[in-house]
Amino acid sequence: MPESRGRSAGQRGPAIGSVQAKRTPVPMQRLSVRAQNVLKELAVELTGEQPPKGTWSPSRELLLALTAERLATTRNCGPHTMR
């Protein structure tokens, strides 16, 4: 297979569409109000944390305690909110 223009084999990045390229983390966008409310409810149950009213960001402790199964069974947490 021919080399990319002006690059040696060791300088090429991951191929487009590779698993590694798809798993690159992206900056977290703002959480929806529904997502915040679901996480606030879980914060009380999982960590004992009492989140404030209004805009809030989940703690690292809460994020580490979350599982997909837990989110799937939480009230008001559908597939869109889960994402």
C-alpha atoms as a PDB file:
ATOM      1  CA  MET A   1       0.000   0.000   0.000  1.00  0.00           C
ATOM      2  CA  PRO A   2       1.483   3.412  -0.888  1.00  0.00           C
ATOM      3  CA  GLU A   3       2.588   5.809   1.856  1.00  0.00           C
ATOM      4  CA  SER A   4       0.521   8.917   2.654  1.00  0.00           C
ATOM      5  CA  ARG A   5       1.854  12.071   1.059  1.00  0.00           C
ATOM      6  CA  GLY A   6       4.957  13.269   2.874  1.00  0.00           C
ATOM      7  CA  ARG A   7       4.504  10.991   5.906  1.00  0.00           C
ATOM      8  CA  SER A   8       6.393   7.907   6.904  1.00  0.00           C
ATOM      9  CA  ALA A   9       4.554   4.870   8.272  1.00  0.00           C
ATOM     10  CA  GLY A  10       5.450   5.799  11.884  1.00  0.00           C
ATOM     11  CA  GLN A  11       3.902   9.279  11.606  1.00  0.00           C
ATOM     12  CA  ARG A  12       0.426   8.300  10.482  1.00  0.00           C
ATOM     13  CA  GLY A  13      -2.400   8.633  12.983  1.00  0.00           C
ATOM     14  CA  PRO A  14      -5.229   6.173  13.497  1.00  0.00           C
ATOM     15  CA  ALA A  15      -7.177   5.281  10.397  1.00  0.00           C
ATOM     16  CA  ILE A  16     -10.489   7.012   9.917  1.00  0.00           C
ATOM     17  CA  GLY A  17     -13.219   4.750  11.239  1.00  0.00           C
ATOM     18  CA  SER A  18     -10.917   2.756  13.493  1.00  0.00           C
ATOM     19  CA  VAL A  19     -12.132   1.780  16.953  1.00  0.00           C
ATOM     20  CA  GLN A  20      -9.499   3.973  18.561  1.00  0.00           C
ATOM     21  CA  ALA A  21     -10.581   7.050  16.597  1.00  0.00           C
ATOM     22  CA  LYS A  22     -14.244   6.523  17.547  1.00  0.00           C
ATOM     23  CA  ARG A  23     -13.499   6.300  21.287  1.00  0.00           C
ATOM     24  CA  THR A  24     -11.665   9.587  21.554  1.00  0.00           C
ATOM     25  CA  PRO A  25     -13.261  11.494  24.434  1.00  0.00           C
ATOM     26  CA  VAL A  26     -14.967  14.760  23.602  1.00  0.00           C
ATOM     27  CA  PRO A  27     -15.508  17.675  25.960  1.00  0.00           C
ATOM     28  CA  MET A  28     -18.665  17.235  28.015  1.00  0.00           C
ATOM     29  CA  GLN A  29     -21.479  19.425  26.830  1.00  0.00           C
ATOM     30  CA  ARG A  30     -24.012  21.008  29.126  1.00  0.00           C
ATOM     31  CA  LEU A  31     -26.387  18.511  30.722  1.00  0.00           C
ATOM     32  CA  SER A  32     -30.096  18.826  30.007  1.00  0.00           C
ATOM     33  CA  VAL A  33     -32.373  19.747  32.903  1.00  0.00           C
ATOM     34  CA  ARG A  34     -33.846  16.238  32.852  1.00  0.00           C
ATOM     35  CA  ALA A  35     -30.365  14.643  32.945  1.00  0.00           C
ATOM     36  CA  GLN A  36     -29.386  16.882  35.878  1.00  0.00           C
ATOM     37  CA  ASN A  37     -32.557  15.912  37.755  1.00  0.00           C
ATOM     38  CA  VAL A  38     -31.933  12.194  37.166  1.00  0.00           C
ATOM     39  CA  LEU A  39     -28.345  12.533  38.380  1.00  0.00           C
ATOM     40  CA  LYS A  40     -29.424  14.565  41.420  1.00  0.00           C
ATOM     41  CA  GLU A  41     -31.821  11.790  42.385  1.00  0.00           C
ATOM     42  CA  LEU A  42     -29.077   9.191  41.972  1.00  0.00           C
ATOM     43  CA  ALA A  43     -26.570  11.321  43.903  1.00  0.00           C
ATOM     44  CA  VAL A  44     -28.726  11.085  47.008  1.00  0.00           C
ATOM     45  CA  GLU A  45     -29.152   7.307  46.623  1.00  0.00           C
ATOM     46  CA  LEU A  46     -25.601   6.375  45.624  1.00  0.00           C
ATOM     47  CA  THR A  47     -23.377   8.840  47.497  1.00  0.00           C
ATOM     48  CA  GLY A  48     -25.593  10.593  50.057  1.00  0.00           C
ATOM     49  CA  GLU A  49     -24.736  13.883  48.358  1.00  0.00           C
ATOM     50  CA  GLN A  50     -27.413  16.625  48.520  1.00  0.00           C
ATOM     51  CA  PRO A  51     -27.120  18.540  45.214  1.00  0.00           C
ATOM     52  CA  PRO A  52     -28.160  22.216  45.197  1.00  0.00           C
ATOM     53  CA  LYS A  53     -31.184  23.538  43.317  1.00  0.00           C
ATOM     54  CA  GLY A  54     -30.477  24.892  39.853  1.00  0.00           C
ATOM     55  CA  THR A  55     -27.517  24.178  37.602  1.00  0.00           C
ATOM     56  CA  TRP A  56     -25.232  21.491  38.964  1.00  0.00           C
ATOM     57  CA  SER A  57     -22.429  19.207  37.802  1.00  0.00           C
ATOM     58  CA  PRO A  58     -22.160  15.637  39.138  1.00  0.00           C
ATOM     59  CA  SER A  59     -19.232  14.785  41.391  1.00  0.00           C
ATOM     60  CA  ARG A  60     -16.519  12.379  40.303  1.00  0.00           C
ATOM     61  CA  GLU A  61     -17.627  10.001  43.071  1.00  0.00           C
ATOM     62  CA  LEU A  62     -21.137   9.854  41.614  1.00  0.00           C
ATOM     63  CA  LEU A  63     -19.907   9.312  38.052  1.00  0.00           C
ATOM     64  CA  LEU A  64     -17.705   6.425  39.191  1.00  0.00           C
ATOM     65  CA  ALA A  65     -20.641   4.835  41.060  1.00  0.00           C
ATOM     66  CA  LEU A  66     -23.016   5.002  38.068  1.00  0.00           C
ATOM     67  CA  THR A  67     -23.723   1.987  35.909  1.00  0.00           C
ATOM     68  CA  ALA A  68     -25.711   1.670  32.697  1.00  0.00           C
ATOM     69  CA  GLU A  69     -28.094  -0.706  34.464  1.00  0.00           C
ATOM     70  CA  ARG A  70     -28.723   1.822  37.223  1.00  0.00           C
ATOM     71  CA  LEU A  71     -29.461   4.590  34.709  1.00  0.00           C
ATOM     72  CA  ALA A  72     -31.734   2.310  32.688  1.00  0.00           C
ATOM     73  CA  THR A  73     -33.941   1.629  35.714  1.00  0.00           C
ATOM     74  CA  THR A  74     -34.095   5.206  36.997  1.00  0.00           C
ATOM     75  CA  ARG A  75     -37.381   7.104  36.652  1.00  0.00           C
ATOM     76  CA  ASN A  76     -37.432   9.699  33.823  1.00  0.00           C
ATOM     77  CA  CYS A  77     -34.238   8.329  32.284  1.00  0.00           C
ATOM     78  CA  GLY A  78     -34.931   7.168  28.746  1.00  0.00           C
ATOM     79  CA  PRO A  79     -32.363   6.410  26.037  1.00  0.00           C
ATOM     80  CA  HIS A  80     -31.928  10.071  25.049  1.00  0.00           C
ATOM     81  CA  THR A  81     -31.356  11.201  28.637  1.00  0.00           C
ATOM     82  CA  MET A  82     -29.024   8.269  29.252  1.00  0.00           C
ATOM     83  CA  ARG A  83     -26.767   9.369  26.401  1.00  0.00           C
END
